[in-house]
Amino acid sequence: MRSNKRKTQFPIPPSLVNANNEWQRIAQTADKAAISDKIYRGEIEENGKKKFVVRDLLRIIYHDKCAYCELKSFAPDVEHYRPKKRVTRVKSHPGYYWLCYEWSNLIPSCEDCNRLKGKANQFPILGVRVVSPPFLTNGDLDENRCKASLAPLINERPYLLHPEIDETEEYFTFTNRGKIRGRDVERRGKETIKICDLNRNILIYRRMQILKNDILVRINDHLLLYSDIHQNPSILKEGLRLIFQNLQNKTNRNEELSLFSMAILRNFDYMIIPFLKEKQHKKMIRGAFQAFSNGDL
């Protein structure tokens, strides 16, 4: 999960703006059955084909990635960060039905993170739970108090990190076996991992594909060539520079699993060096990476 503050750069999709009266009615009557996926997904018909304007805009904002696991998801769920109809293990809570069309409550999620063994209707908190809509004195829904970044919602202190509010990079670390770990004292990172099942097998496999295939295999191939044919050291250095540059490029927010690539880049000694067999190779690669980090390679 990477923090993402881009949403403010884009206008709220028309289907959400145009649904204001219906949104007000749902909040005032608690009519959860009236919540329409056509509205919060932004379904329209154009040239005889269905388009999903909200979903497509979220794809643009999140670089075609799931907001939770960072895998590419070209037909993501429009996920309600705060569940709209019920909250798991809080039987007395009706669900955050009044946030059904709130822009800050909608993020893109792959099916695995949102359903199956993922988040679904989980929403544990550290603070005091909001149980009813905020209204103005005239009886209308107070839309400003429905924003995820403002009181009273922010005071719930959700365990689940919100990529548009939290600096999510501060909450996670990784092992060199591809597992993500939480590291904050409030355990929000750890709970986010648990809620979204961020250590499921496919994610560990994909992370290790980056570590092994994109980095280790290529490093070992260059070392083998250098040893077998007495390759010119300058050629080896250039090969290693390209490997390290590729890793740096993978930390860009538009790349899949960019947070894992960032962890490799920041913790190269722990993430990569232990996998090298020869002591002299460890020293050589460590030195080359240090030179790259200093801009000398």
Foldseek 3Di string as FASTA:
>chain_A
DAFFQCPVVDDQDPLLVVCQVVLQVCQLPVPLVPQDQCSQQVWDADPNDIDRVNQVVLCVRQLQAAPQQQDRHVRFRFAFQFAQADAPPPVVARTVVSCSSPSQRTHTHHCLQQDDQHQPRYKQFDADDDRGFDADPVSTTPNVCSHCQDPPNVRRHILADRSNHDRCLQQWAAALQQDIDGDDPVCSSVVNCNRRVNVPPVNSVVLVCCLPVLAVVQLVVLVVCCVPVVDDVVVSLVSLLVSLVVLVVCLDSSHGPNSSSVNCLVPVLRNHLVVDDDPVSSVVSVVSSVCVVVVND
